Amino acid sequence: MQKKDIGLLVLILVVGFVVALINPRFLSPINLANTANLVGLFGLFSIAEAFVIVTGGIELSVGSMIALLGVIFVDLVVNHGVHWTLAVIIVILFGSVFGAIHGFLVTRMKLQPFVVTLCGLLIYRGIARFYTKDATAGFTFGQTFPDLEWIVAGRSFGVPHSIVAFAVIAAIAWVVLHRSVFGRHLFAVGKNEEAARYSGIRTGRTIVAAYVICAALTAVSAVFFAMYTRSISPSSHGNFYELYGIAAAVLGGFSLRGGEGSVVGVVLGVILLQVLQNLVNLLGIPSSLNFAVMGTVILGGVLADQQFTRYRERQRAARSLED
């Protein structure tokens, strides 16, 4: 673990200890299971966001993509009788296409990732609302899909399957980012895209792949959220989720400038955000302050990253003078 990860883990333990002292219900099995379920749900797209951020990009359309792909998934299963396994594959393919389009616009058309994904945020939300005619999409009364519900929304030995899926994807992401050639290419592109290109890395393909992976994981997250909520209001479903993913990545040590970060850090960042949200709920603080807490966390993470970067630069400068 990196120093940032250890510091984040200590912060989680301290916050958890304080919350448990204030309200013992925090450590109740029901509360812990519900919190773990939310960690799994929000963790899936947070890892997705990290793949783009490490390249120096940003993905602002995650929430709108979850709404649109969730609506498509529910419509395929409920209204068109498509088997859920095929529906999941179709949704992931749709997500991959969205990611490829974003990557193409960023690499080939030389558009800023912020502009591309901001337009995606508006476009996908608008299509979702048009697709359902602004009505809520969901499962009809009494309609059940036992296998799908058990795999996606069920629990084994009290452990939510969402946290199991999150753990598996986090482990795969850790191997890809930290133990593979592709992962080294992602970090190199984020650190210095021009230098990476001169060193023989196909930077365009690497960036496109990052957006495709992000969108595909977001599609998986959309299925989990569709089964969790069982109804989707296209105007509000997934609102601000992209900010949650960015906050978790920044807390996990992913610099918004690219080239830095740790999957372990993202996992810890997601846990911390959920513990803070749980704290807000247990203390009876108005839920409207959730966004204020999230914004404060993002600001604090960016400031800490900036100060840490300046500190390292001063240390390097001091060493070079000594030599």
C-alpha atoms as a PDB file:
ATOM      1  CA  MET A   1       0.000   0.000   0.000  1.00  0.00           C
ATOM      2  CA  GLN A   2       1.128   3.557  -0.724  1.00  0.00           C
ATOM      3  CA  LYS A   3       1.418   6.190   2.009  1.00  0.00           C
ATOM      4  CA  LYS A   4      -1.757   7.847   0.728  1.00  0.00           C
ATOM      5  CA  ASP A   5      -3.649   4.564   1.000  1.00  0.00           C
ATOM      6  CA  ILE A   6      -2.457   3.981   4.555  1.00  0.00           C
ATOM      7  CA  GLY A   7      -3.475   7.506   5.518  1.00  0.00           C
ATOM      8  CA  LEU A   8      -6.909   6.976   3.971  1.00  0.00           C
ATOM      9  CA  LEU A   9      -7.346   3.668   5.799  1.00  0.00           C
ATOM     10  CA  VAL A  10      -6.469   5.321   9.110  1.00  0.00           C
ATOM     11  CA  LEU A  11      -8.989   8.096   8.365  1.00  0.00           C
ATOM     12  CA  ILE A  12     -11.714   5.529   7.652  1.00  0.00           C
ATOM     13  CA  LEU A  13     -10.994   3.714  10.922  1.00  0.00           C
ATOM     14  CA  VAL A  14     -11.032   6.975  12.895  1.00  0.00           C
ATOM     15  CA  VAL A  15     -14.278   8.190  11.296  1.00  0.00           C
ATOM     16  CA  GLY A  16     -15.872   4.757  11.780  1.00  0.00           C
ATOM     17  CA  PHE A  17     -14.798   4.683  15.424  1.00  0.00           C
ATOM     18  CA  VAL A  18     -16.240   8.160  16.049  1.00  0.00           C
ATOM     19  CA  VAL A  19     -19.514   7.282  14.291  1.00  0.00           C
ATOM     20  CA  ALA A  20     -19.809   4.059  16.322  1.00  0.00           C
ATOM     21  CA  LEU A  21     -19.308   6.020  19.542  1.00  0.00           C
ATOM     22  CA  ILE A  22     -21.945   8.574  18.587  1.00  0.00           C
ATOM     23  CA  ASN A  23     -24.420   5.992  17.333  1.00  0.00           C
ATOM     24  CA  PRO A  24     -23.860   2.265  18.095  1.00  0.00           C
ATOM     25  CA  ARG A  25     -26.289   1.361  15.307  1.00  0.00           C
ATOM     26  CA  PHE A  26     -23.412   1.967  12.904  1.00  0.00           C
ATOM     27  CA  LEU A  27     -21.967  -1.437  13.845  1.00  0.00           C
ATOM     28  CA  SER A  28     -25.263  -3.312  13.606  1.00  0.00           C
ATOM     29  CA  PRO A  29     -25.233  -6.189  11.074  1.00  0.00           C
ATOM     30  CA  ILE A  30     -28.093  -4.638   9.087  1.00  0.00           C
ATOM     31  CA  ASN A  31     -26.391  -1.257   8.785  1.00  0.00           C
ATOM     32  CA  LEU A  32     -23.030  -2.787   7.883  1.00  0.00           C
ATOM     33  CA  ALA A  33     -24.652  -5.006   5.215  1.00  0.00           C
ATOM     34  CA  ASN A  34     -26.555  -2.059   3.729  1.00  0.00           C
ATOM     35  CA  THR A  35     -23.410   0.079   3.736  1.00  0.00           C
ATOM     36  CA  ALA A  36     -21.445  -2.737   2.078  1.00  0.00           C
ATOM     37  CA  ASN A  37     -24.143  -3.012  -0.588  1.00  0.00           C
ATOM     38  CA  LEU A  38     -23.873   0.709  -1.351  1.00  0.00           C
ATOM     39  CA  VAL A  39     -20.066   0.495  -1.396  1.00  0.00           C
ATOM     40  CA  GLY A  40     -20.369  -2.212  -4.042  1.00  0.00           C
ATOM     41  CA  LEU A  41     -22.907  -0.288  -6.133  1.00  0.00           C
ATOM     42  CA  PHE A  42     -21.015   3.001  -6.118  1.00  0.00           C
ATOM     43  CA  GLY A  43     -17.630   1.336  -6.303  1.00  0.00           C
ATOM     44  CA  LEU A  44     -18.250  -0.195  -9.718  1.00  0.00           C
ATOM     45  CA  PHE A  45     -18.495   3.093 -11.588  1.00  0.00           C
ATOM     46  CA  SER A  46     -15.853   4.739  -9.373  1.00  0.00           C
ATOM     47  CA  ILE A  47     -13.271   2.254 -10.651  1.00  0.00           C
ATOM     48  CA  ALA A  48     -14.587   2.945 -14.161  1.00  0.00           C
ATOM     49  CA  GLU A  49     -13.974   6.662 -13.643  1.00  0.00           C
ATOM     50  CA  ALA A  50     -10.418   5.976 -12.453  1.00  0.00           C
ATOM     51  CA  PHE A  51      -9.443   4.386 -15.790  1.00  0.00           C
ATOM     52  CA  VAL A  52     -10.148   7.666 -17.588  1.00  0.00           C
ATOM     53  CA  ILE A  53      -8.730   9.973 -14.926  1.00  0.00           C
ATOM     54  CA  VAL A  54      -5.375   8.164 -14.934  1.00  0.00           C
ATOM     55  CA  THR A  55      -4.947   9.186 -18.600  1.00  0.00           C
ATOM     56  CA  GLY A  56      -5.508  12.835 -17.699  1.00  0.00           C
ATOM     57  CA  GLY A  57      -9.107  12.777 -18.936  1.00  0.00           C
ATOM     58  CA  ILE A  58     -12.466  13.087 -17.235  1.00  0.00           C
ATOM     59  CA  GLU A  59     -15.812  11.303 -17.646  1.00  0.00           C
ATOM     60  CA  LEU A  60     -18.814  13.469 -16.745  1.00  0.00           C
ATOM     61  CA  SER A  61     -21.522  11.356 -18.379  1.00  0.00           C
ATOM     62  CA  VAL A  62     -21.414   8.391 -15.963  1.00  0.00           C
ATOM     63  CA  GLY A  63     -24.686   9.249 -14.206  1.00  0.00           C
ATOM     64  CA  SER A  64     -26.609   9.919 -17.415  1.00  0.00           C
ATOM     65  CA  MET A  65     -25.180   6.745 -18.952  1.00  0.00           C
ATOM     66  CA  ILE A  66     -26.393   4.740 -15.946  1.00  0.00           C
ATOM     67  CA  ALA A  67     -29.876   6.216 -16.431  1.00  0.00           C
ATOM     68  CA  LEU A  68     -30.021   5.503 -20.185  1.00  0.00           C
ATOM     69  CA  LEU A  69     -28.511   2.014 -20.032  1.00  0.00           C
ATOM     70  CA  GLY A  70     -30.697   1.162 -17.032  1.00  0.00           C
ATOM     71  CA  VAL A  71     -33.794   2.202 -18.947  1.00  0.00           C
ATOM     72  CA  ILE A  72     -32.709   0.136 -21.956  1.00  0.00           C
ATOM     73  CA  PHE A  73     -32.023  -2.902 -19.767  1.00  0.00           C
ATOM     74  CA  VAL A  74     -35.413  -2.735 -18.037  1.00  0.00           C
ATOM     75  CA  ASP A  75     -37.222  -2.201 -21.345  1.00  0.00           C
ATOM     76  CA  LEU A  76     -35.512  -5.184 -22.984  1.00  0.00           C
ATOM     77  CA  VAL A  77     -36.288  -7.513 -20.079  1.00  0.00           C
ATOM     78  CA  VAL A  78     -39.773  -6.307 -19.148  1.00  0.00           C
ATOM     79  CA  ASN A  79     -41.367  -5.127 -22.393  1.00  0.00           C
ATOM     80  CA  HIS A  80     -39.564  -7.151 -25.077  1.00  0.00           C
ATOM     81  CA  GLY A  81     -39.077 -10.448 -23.280  1.00  0.00           C
ATOM     82  CA  VAL A  82     -35.330 -10.546 -23.907  1.00  0.00           C
ATOM     83  CA  HIS A  83     -33.536 -12.991 -21.606  1.00  0.00           C
ATOM     84  CA  TRP A  84     -31.618 -11.075 -18.968  1.00  0.00           C
ATOM     85  CA  THR A  85     -28.242 -12.532 -19.962  1.00  0.00           C
ATOM     86  CA  LEU A  86     -28.666 -11.248 -23.522  1.00  0.00           C
ATOM     87  CA  ALA A  87     -29.966  -7.926 -22.176  1.00  0.00           C
ATOM     88  CA  VAL A  88     -26.836  -7.532 -20.039  1.00  0.00           C
ATOM     89  CA  ILE A  89     -24.610  -8.224 -23.072  1.00  0.00           C
ATOM     90  CA  ILE A  90     -26.547  -5.697 -25.187  1.00  0.00           C
ATOM     91  CA  VAL A  91     -26.270  -3.026 -22.503  1.00  0.00           C
ATOM     92  CA  ILE A  92     -22.509  -3.603 -22.127  1.00  0.00           C
ATOM     93  CA  LEU A  93     -22.107  -3.363 -25.907  1.00  0.00           C
ATOM     94  CA  PHE A  94     -24.058  -0.085 -25.935  1.00  0.00           C
ATOM     95  CA  GLY A  95     -21.817   1.237 -23.174  1.00  0.00           C
ATOM     96  CA  SER A  96     -18.677   0.164 -25.043  1.00  0.00           C
ATOM     97  CA  VAL A  97     -19.883   1.998 -28.157  1.00  0.00           C
ATOM     98  CA  PHE A  98     -20.486   5.163 -26.109  1.00  0.00           C
ATOM     99  CA  GLY A  99     -16.980   4.874 -24.696  1.00  0.00           C
ATOM    100  CA  ALA A 100     -15.469   4.342 -28.149  1.00  0.00           C
ATOM    101  CA  ILE A 101     -17.261   7.461 -29.424  1.00  0.00           C
ATOM    102  CA  HIS A 102     -15.916   9.507 -26.525  1.00  0.00           C
ATOM    103  CA  GLY A 103     -12.420   8.192 -27.119  1.00  0.00           C
ATOM    104  CA  PHE A 104     -12.646   8.920 -30.856  1.00  0.00           C
ATOM    105  CA  LEU A 105     -13.760  12.506 -30.250  1.00  0.00           C
ATOM    106  CA  VAL A 106     -10.959  13.060 -27.735  1.00  0.00           C
ATOM    107  CA  THR A 107      -8.137  11.454 -29.735  1.00  0.00           C
ATOM    108  CA  ARG A 108      -9.075  11.957 -33.388  1.00  0.00           C
ATOM    109  CA  MET A 109     -11.149  15.137 -33.258  1.00  0.00           C
ATOM    110  CA  LYS A 110      -8.890  16.623 -30.552  1.00  0.00           C
ATOM    111  CA  LEU A 111     -11.794  17.767 -28.389  1.00  0.00           C
ATOM    112  CA  GLN A 112     -11.358  18.354 -24.681  1.00  0.00           C
ATOM    113  CA  PRO A 113     -12.563  15.380 -22.547  1.00  0.00           C
ATOM    114  CA  PHE A 114     -14.521  17.818 -20.384  1.00  0.00           C
ATOM    115  CA  VAL A 115     -16.495  19.087 -23.399  1.00  0.00           C
ATOM    116  CA  VAL A 116     -17.065  15.635 -24.908  1.00  0.00           C
ATOM    117  CA  THR A 117     -18.338  14.031 -21.728  1.00  0.00           C
ATOM    118  CA  LEU A 118     -20.358  17.084 -20.680  1.00  0.00           C
ATOM    119  CA  CYS A 119     -22.185  16.816 -24.010  1.00  0.00           C
ATOM    120  CA  GLY A 120     -22.612  13.090 -23.331  1.00  0.00           C
ATOM    121  CA  LEU A 121     -24.135  13.918 -19.945  1.00  0.00           C
ATOM    122  CA  LEU A 122     -26.785  16.057 -21.639  1.00  0.00           C
ATOM    123  CA  ILE A 123     -27.350  13.777 -24.640  1.00  0.00           C
ATOM    124  CA  TYR A 124     -27.769  10.496 -22.716  1.00  0.00           C
ATOM    125  CA  ARG A 125     -30.079  12.076 -20.144  1.00  0.00           C
ATOM    126  CA  GLY A 126     -32.183  13.591 -22.915  1.00  0.00           C
ATOM    127  CA  ILE A 127     -32.392  10.290 -24.831  1.00  0.00           C
ATOM    128  CA  ALA A 128     -33.384   8.445 -21.644  1.00  0.00           C
ATOM    129  CA  ARG A 129     -36.216  10.897 -21.005  1.00  0.00           C
ATOM    130  CA  PHE A 130     -37.353  10.750 -24.632  1.00  0.00           C
ATOM    131  CA  TYR A 131     -37.121   6.942 -24.672  1.00  0.00           C
ATOM    132  CA  THR A 132     -39.555   6.630 -21.770  1.00  0.00           C
ATOM    133  CA  LYS A 133     -41.528   9.807 -22.618  1.00  0.00           C
ATOM    134  CA  ASP A 134     -40.405  11.097 -19.223  1.00  0.00           C
ATOM    135  CA  ALA A 135     -42.214   8.239 -17.491  1.00  0.00           C
ATOM    136  CA  THR A 136     -40.720   5.961 -14.854  1.00  0.00           C
ATOM    137  CA  ALA A 137     -39.412   2.662 -16.206  1.00  0.00           C
ATOM    138  CA  GLY A 138     -39.528  -0.358 -13.950  1.00  0.00           C
ATOM    139  CA  PHE A 139     -40.740  -3.862 -13.270  1.00  0.00           C
ATOM    140  CA  THR A 140     -44.468  -4.487 -13.108  1.00  0.00           C
ATOM    141  CA  PHE A 141     -46.119  -5.580  -9.873  1.00  0.00           C
ATOM    142  CA  GLY A 142     -45.354  -9.212  -9.045  1.00  0.00           C
ATOM    143  CA  GLN A 143     -42.863  -9.574 -11.890  1.00  0.00           C
ATOM    144  CA  THR A 144     -39.781 -11.440 -10.712  1.00  0.00           C
ATOM    145  CA  PHE A 145     -36.551 -12.737 -12.221  1.00  0.00           C
ATOM    146  CA  PRO A 146     -35.212 -15.058  -9.495  1.00  0.00           C
ATOM    147  CA  ASP A 147     -31.837 -15.887 -11.068  1.00  0.00           C
ATOM    148  CA  LEU A 148     -31.066 -12.286 -12.028  1.00  0.00           C
ATOM    149  CA  GLU A 149     -32.222 -10.929  -8.673  1.00  0.00           C
ATOM    150  CA  TRP A 150     -30.120 -13.435  -6.753  1.00  0.00           C
ATOM    151  CA  ILE A 151     -26.977 -12.835  -8.823  1.00  0.00           C
ATOM    152  CA  VAL A 152     -27.193  -9.033  -8.845  1.00  0.00           C
ATOM    153  CA  ALA A 153     -29.183  -8.029  -5.762  1.00  0.00           C
ATOM    154  CA  GLY A 154     -28.944 -11.128  -3.562  1.00  0.00           C
ATOM    155  CA  ARG A 155     -26.761 -11.994  -0.588  1.00  0.00           C
ATOM    156  CA  SER A 156     -24.699 -15.021   0.419  1.00  0.00           C
ATOM    157  CA  PHE A 157     -24.009 -15.551   4.120  1.00  0.00           C
ATOM    158  CA  GLY A 158     -25.231 -11.994   4.659  1.00  0.00           C
ATOM    159  CA  VAL A 159     -22.721 -10.534   2.181  1.00  0.00           C
ATOM    160  CA  PRO A 160     -24.325  -8.507  -0.661  1.00  0.00           C
ATOM    161  CA  HIS A 161     -23.373  -9.733  -4.114  1.00  0.00           C
ATOM    162  CA  SER A 162     -22.725  -6.139  -5.193  1.00  0.00           C
ATOM    163  CA  ILE A 163     -19.723  -5.953  -2.846  1.00  0.00           C
ATOM    164  CA  VAL A 164     -18.523  -9.329  -4.167  1.00  0.00           C
ATOM    165  CA  ALA A 165     -18.731  -8.025  -7.750  1.00  0.00           C
ATOM    166  CA  PHE A 166     -16.931  -4.856  -6.687  1.00  0.00           C
ATOM    167  CA  ALA A 167     -14.147  -6.866  -5.046  1.00  0.00           C
ATOM    168  CA  VAL A 168     -13.693  -9.025  -8.160  1.00  0.00           C
ATOM    169  CA  ILE A 169     -13.632  -6.042 -10.536  1.00  0.00           C
ATOM    170  CA  ALA A 170     -11.302  -4.130  -8.188  1.00  0.00           C
ATOM    171  CA  ALA A 171      -8.895  -7.096  -8.156  1.00  0.00           C
ATOM    172  CA  ILE A 172      -8.947  -7.299 -11.962  1.00  0.00           C
ATOM    173  CA  ALA A 173      -8.505  -3.518 -12.236  1.00  0.00           C
ATOM    174  CA  TRP A 174      -5.532  -3.678  -9.847  1.00  0.00           C
ATOM    175  CA  VAL A 175      -3.831  -6.294 -12.021  1.00  0.00           C
ATOM    176  CA  VAL A 176      -4.573  -4.344 -15.210  1.00  0.00           C
ATOM    177  CA  LEU A 177      -3.417  -0.971 -13.882  1.00  0.00           C
ATOM    178  CA  HIS A 178      -0.498  -1.998 -11.701  1.00  0.00           C
ATOM    179  CA  ARG A 179       0.803  -5.280 -13.128  1.00  0.00           C
ATOM    180  CA  SER A 180       0.271  -5.129 -16.894  1.00  0.00           C
ATOM    181  CA  VAL A 181       1.940  -3.423 -19.846  1.00  0.00           C
ATOM    182  CA  PHE A 182      -1.372  -1.767 -20.731  1.00  0.00           C
ATOM    183  CA  GLY A 183      -1.552  -0.301 -17.225  1.00  0.00           C
ATOM    184  CA  ARG A 184       1.950   1.149 -17.555  1.00  0.00           C
ATOM    185  CA  HIS A 185       0.892   2.677 -20.855  1.00  0.00           C
ATOM    186  CA  LEU A 186      -2.135   4.306 -19.187  1.00  0.00           C
ATOM    187  CA  PHE A 187       0.054   5.881 -16.508  1.00  0.00           C
ATOM    188  CA  ALA A 188       2.632   6.971 -19.097  1.00  0.00           C
ATOM    189  CA  VAL A 189      -0.015   8.665 -21.244  1.00  0.00           C
ATOM    190  CA  GLY A 190      -1.411  10.460 -18.224  1.00  0.00           C
ATOM    191  CA  LYS A 191       2.048  11.599 -17.094  1.00  0.00           C
ATOM    192  CA  ASN A 192       3.159  12.942 -20.451  1.00  0.00           C
ATOM    193  CA  GLU A 193       1.229  12.011 -23.581  1.00  0.00           C
ATOM    194  CA  GLU A 194       3.797  13.438 -25.990  1.00  0.00           C
ATOM    195  CA  ALA A 195       6.693  11.626 -24.327  1.00  0.00           C
ATOM    196  CA  ALA A 196       4.662   8.412 -24.294  1.00  0.00           C
ATOM    197  CA  ARG A 197       4.025   8.778 -28.035  1.00  0.00           C
ATOM    198  CA  TYR A 198       7.733   9.276 -28.755  1.00  0.00           C
ATOM    199  CA  SER A 199       8.541   6.188 -26.698  1.00  0.00           C
ATOM    200  CA  GLY A 200       6.430   4.073 -29.051  1.00  0.00           C
ATOM    201  CA  ILE A 201       3.132   3.890 -27.143  1.00  0.00           C
ATOM    202  CA  ARG A 202       0.034   4.158 -29.301  1.00  0.00           C
ATOM    203  CA  THR A 203      -1.461   6.885 -27.164  1.00  0.00           C
ATOM    204  CA  GLY A 204      -4.651   7.237 -29.187  1.00  0.00           C
ATOM    205  CA  ARG A 205      -5.566   3.573 -28.840  1.00  0.00           C
ATOM    206  CA  THR A 206      -4.659   3.606 -25.162  1.00  0.00           C
ATOM    207  CA  ILE A 207      -6.948   6.555 -24.429  1.00  0.00           C
ATOM    208  CA  VAL A 208      -9.817   5.064 -26.462  1.00  0.00           C
ATOM    209  CA  ALA A 209      -9.412   1.775 -24.580  1.00  0.00           C
ATOM    210  CA  ALA A 210      -9.619   3.662 -21.266  1.00  0.00           C
ATOM    211  CA  TYR A 211     -12.940   5.257 -22.272  1.00  0.00           C
ATOM    212  CA  VAL A 212     -14.300   1.923 -23.527  1.00  0.00           C
ATOM    213  CA  ILE A 213     -13.381   0.171 -20.262  1.00  0.00           C
ATOM    214  CA  CYS A 214     -14.948   3.023 -18.291  1.00  0.00           C
ATOM    215  CA  ALA A 215     -18.209   2.880 -20.241  1.00  0.00           C
ATOM    216  CA  ALA A 216     -18.392  -0.935 -20.150  1.00  0.00           C
ATOM    217  CA  LEU A 217     -17.980  -0.968 -16.351  1.00  0.00           C
ATOM    218  CA  THR A 218     -20.565   1.812 -16.135  1.00  0.00           C
ATOM    219  CA  ALA A 219     -22.963  -0.436 -18.071  1.00  0.00           C
ATOM    220  CA  VAL A 220     -22.420  -3.213 -15.521  1.00  0.00           C
ATOM    221  CA  SER A 221     -23.108  -0.671 -12.784  1.00  0.00           C
ATOM    222  CA  ALA A 222     -26.313   0.371 -14.581  1.00  0.00           C
ATOM    223  CA  VAL A 223     -27.641  -3.203 -14.380  1.00  0.00           C
ATOM    224  CA  PHE A 224     -26.875  -3.398 -10.655  1.00  0.00           C
ATOM    225  CA  PHE A 225     -28.607  -0.078  -9.982  1.00  0.00           C
ATOM    226  CA  ALA A 226     -31.624  -1.067 -12.093  1.00  0.00           C
ATOM    227  CA  MET A 227     -32.096  -4.194  -9.983  1.00  0.00           C
ATOM    228  CA  TYR A 228     -31.429  -2.278  -6.761  1.00  0.00           C
ATOM    229  CA  THR A 229     -33.984   0.472  -7.371  1.00  0.00           C
ATOM    230  CA  ARG A 230     -36.333  -1.657  -9.556  1.00  0.00           C
ATOM    231  CA  SER A 231     -37.635   1.572 -11.070  1.00  0.00           C
ATOM    232  CA  ILE A 232     -35.858   4.299 -12.996  1.00  0.00           C
ATOM    233  CA  SER A 233     -36.932   7.914 -13.244  1.00  0.00           C
ATOM    234  CA  PRO A 234     -34.900   9.072 -16.265  1.00  0.00           C
ATOM    235  CA  SER A 235     -34.821  12.694 -15.094  1.00  0.00           C
ATOM    236  CA  SER A 236     -33.143  11.931 -11.757  1.00  0.00           C
ATOM    237  CA  HIS A 237     -31.703   8.391 -11.826  1.00  0.00           C
ATOM    238  CA  GLY A 238     -27.920   8.562 -11.480  1.00  0.00           C
ATOM    239  CA  ASN A 239     -27.784  12.315 -10.912  1.00  0.00           C
ATOM    240  CA  PHE A 240     -24.320  13.482  -9.763  1.00  0.00           C
ATOM    241  CA  TYR A 241     -22.945   9.913  -9.738  1.00  0.00           C
ATOM    242  CA  GLU A 242     -20.064  11.096 -11.891  1.00  0.00           C
ATOM    243  CA  LEU A 243     -19.063  13.490  -9.096  1.00  0.00           C
ATOM    244  CA  TYR A 244     -19.125  10.609  -6.633  1.00  0.00           C
ATOM    245  CA  GLY A 245     -16.822   8.595  -8.884  1.00  0.00           C
ATOM    246  CA  ILE A 246     -14.455  11.546  -9.311  1.00  0.00           C
ATOM    247  CA  ALA A 247     -14.414  12.141  -5.538  1.00  0.00           C
ATOM    248  CA  ALA A 248     -13.584   8.489  -4.830  1.00  0.00           C
ATOM    249  CA  ALA A 249     -10.792   8.519  -7.427  1.00  0.00           C
ATOM    250  CA  VAL A 250      -9.309  11.789  -6.151  1.00  0.00           C
ATOM    251  CA  LEU A 251      -9.437  10.529  -2.562  1.00  0.00           C
ATOM    252  CA  GLY A 252      -7.726   7.374  -3.782  1.00  0.00           C
ATOM    253  CA  GLY A 253      -4.754   9.363  -5.021  1.00  0.00           C
ATOM    254  CA  PHE A 254      -5.708   9.710  -8.697  1.00  0.00           C
ATOM    255  CA  SER A 255      -4.471  13.099  -9.802  1.00  0.00           C
ATOM    256  CA  LEU A 256      -6.808  15.033 -12.090  1.00  0.00           C
ATOM    257  CA  ARG A 257      -3.692  15.846 -14.110  1.00  0.00           C
ATOM    258  CA  GLY A 258      -3.284  12.129 -14.816  1.00  0.00           C
ATOM    259  CA  GLY A 259      -0.449   9.663 -14.387  1.00  0.00           C
ATOM    260  CA  GLU A 260      -1.019   8.844 -10.710  1.00  0.00           C
ATOM    261  CA  GLY A 261      -3.352   6.711  -8.645  1.00  0.00           C
ATOM    262  CA  SER A 262      -4.056   3.438  -6.905  1.00  0.00           C
ATOM    263  CA  VAL A 263      -6.980   1.030  -7.233  1.00  0.00           C
ATOM    264  CA  VAL A 264      -6.668   0.266  -3.522  1.00  0.00           C
ATOM    265  CA  GLY A 265      -7.034   3.995  -2.939  1.00  0.00           C
ATOM    266  CA  VAL A 266     -10.254   4.120  -4.970  1.00  0.00           C
ATOM    267  CA  VAL A 267     -11.691   1.245  -2.925  1.00  0.00           C
ATOM    268  CA  LEU A 268     -10.830   3.094   0.273  1.00  0.00           C
ATOM    269  CA  GLY A 269     -12.205   6.336  -1.164  1.00  0.00           C
ATOM    270  CA  VAL A 270     -15.563   4.694  -1.901  1.00  0.00           C
ATOM    271  CA  ILE A 271     -15.686   3.237   1.609  1.00  0.00           C
ATOM    272  CA  LEU A 272     -14.893   6.624   3.186  1.00  0.00           C
ATOM    273  CA  LEU A 273     -17.600   8.393   1.183  1.00  0.00           C
ATOM    274  CA  GLN A 274     -20.178   5.792   2.200  1.00  0.00           C
ATOM    275  CA  VAL A 275     -19.124   5.978   5.852  1.00  0.00           C
ATOM    276  CA  LEU A 276     -19.529   9.769   5.706  1.00  0.00           C
ATOM    277  CA  GLN A 277     -22.944   9.395   4.065  1.00  0.00           C
ATOM    278  CA  ASN A 278     -23.904   6.865   6.724  1.00  0.00           C
ATOM    279  CA  LEU A 279     -22.760   9.356   9.352  1.00  0.00           C
ATOM    280  CA  VAL A 280     -25.055  12.000   7.862  1.00  0.00           C
ATOM    281  CA  ASN A 281     -28.009   9.593   7.990  1.00  0.00           C
ATOM    282  CA  LEU A 282     -27.356   8.263  11.502  1.00  0.00           C
ATOM    283  CA  LEU A 283     -26.937  11.744  12.962  1.00  0.00           C
ATOM    284  CA  GLY A 284     -30.171  12.929  11.404  1.00  0.00           C
ATOM    285  CA  ILE A 285     -28.416  15.582   9.320  1.00  0.00           C
ATOM    286  CA  PRO A 286     -30.583  16.662   6.338  1.00  0.00           C
ATOM    287  CA  SER A 287     -29.829  14.495   3.303  1.00  0.00           C
ATOM    288  CA  SER A 288     -29.609  17.658   1.215  1.00  0.00           C
ATOM    289  CA  LEU A 289     -26.183  18.190   2.795  1.00  0.00           C
ATOM    290  CA  ASN A 290     -24.858  15.011   1.130  1.00  0.00           C
ATOM    291  CA  PHE A 291     -23.752  17.002  -1.891  1.00  0.00           C
ATOM    292  CA  ALA A 292     -22.117  19.608   0.347  1.00  0.00           C
ATOM    293  CA  VAL A 293     -20.142  16.830   2.050  1.00  0.00           C
ATOM    294  CA  MET A 294     -19.155  15.374  -1.326  1.00  0.00           C
ATOM    295  CA  GLY A 295     -18.078  18.769  -2.671  1.00  0.00           C
ATOM    296  CA  THR A 296     -16.010  19.441   0.443  1.00  0.00           C
ATOM    297  CA  VAL A 297     -14.359  16.043   0.099  1.00  0.00           C
ATOM    298  CA  ILE A 298     -13.473  16.659  -3.569  1.00  0.00           C
ATOM    299  CA  LEU A 299     -12.056  20.104  -2.737  1.00  0.00           C
ATOM    300  CA  GLY A 300     -10.045  18.713   0.166  1.00  0.00           C
ATOM    301  CA  GLY A 301      -8.712  15.880  -1.997  1.00  0.00           C
ATOM    302  CA  VAL A 302      -7.619  18.240  -4.789  1.00  0.00           C
ATOM    303  CA  LEU A 303      -5.962  20.626  -2.315  1.00  0.00           C
ATOM    304  CA  ALA A 304      -4.142  17.747  -0.602  1.00  0.00           C
ATOM    305  CA  ASP A 305      -2.987  16.386  -3.974  1.00  0.00           C
ATOM    306  CA  GLN A 306      -1.730  19.829  -4.998  1.00  0.00           C
ATOM    307  CA  GLN A 307       0.193  20.330  -1.738  1.00  0.00           C
ATOM    308  CA  PHE A 308       1.632  16.810  -1.914  1.00  0.00           C
ATOM    309  CA  THR A 309       2.814  17.428  -5.500  1.00  0.00           C
ATOM    310  CA  ARG A 310       4.476  20.717  -4.517  1.00  0.00           C
ATOM    311  CA  TYR A 311       6.152  19.001  -1.566  1.00  0.00           C
ATOM    312  CA  ARG A 312       7.589  16.280  -3.815  1.00  0.00           C
ATOM    313  CA  GLU A 313       8.814  18.872  -6.309  1.00  0.00           C
ATOM    314  CA  ARG A 314      10.593  20.762  -3.532  1.00  0.00           C
ATOM    315  CA  GLN A 315      12.151  17.506  -2.308  1.00  0.00           C
ATOM    316  CA  ARG A 316      13.401  16.690  -5.830  1.00  0.00           C
ATOM    317  CA  ALA A 317      14.806  20.202  -6.191  1.00  0.00           C
ATOM    318  CA  ALA A 318      16.587  19.909  -2.844  1.00  0.00           C
ATOM    319  CA  ARG A 319      18.123  16.538  -3.822  1.00  0.00           C
ATOM    320  CA  SER A 320      19.316  17.882  -7.173  1.00  0.00           C
ATOM    321  CA  LEU A 321      21.025  20.814  -5.424  1.00  0.00           C
ATOM    322  CA  GLU A 322      22.753  18.426  -3.008  1.00  0.00           C
ATOM    323  CA  ASP A 323      24.026  16.308  -5.901  1.00  0.00           C
END
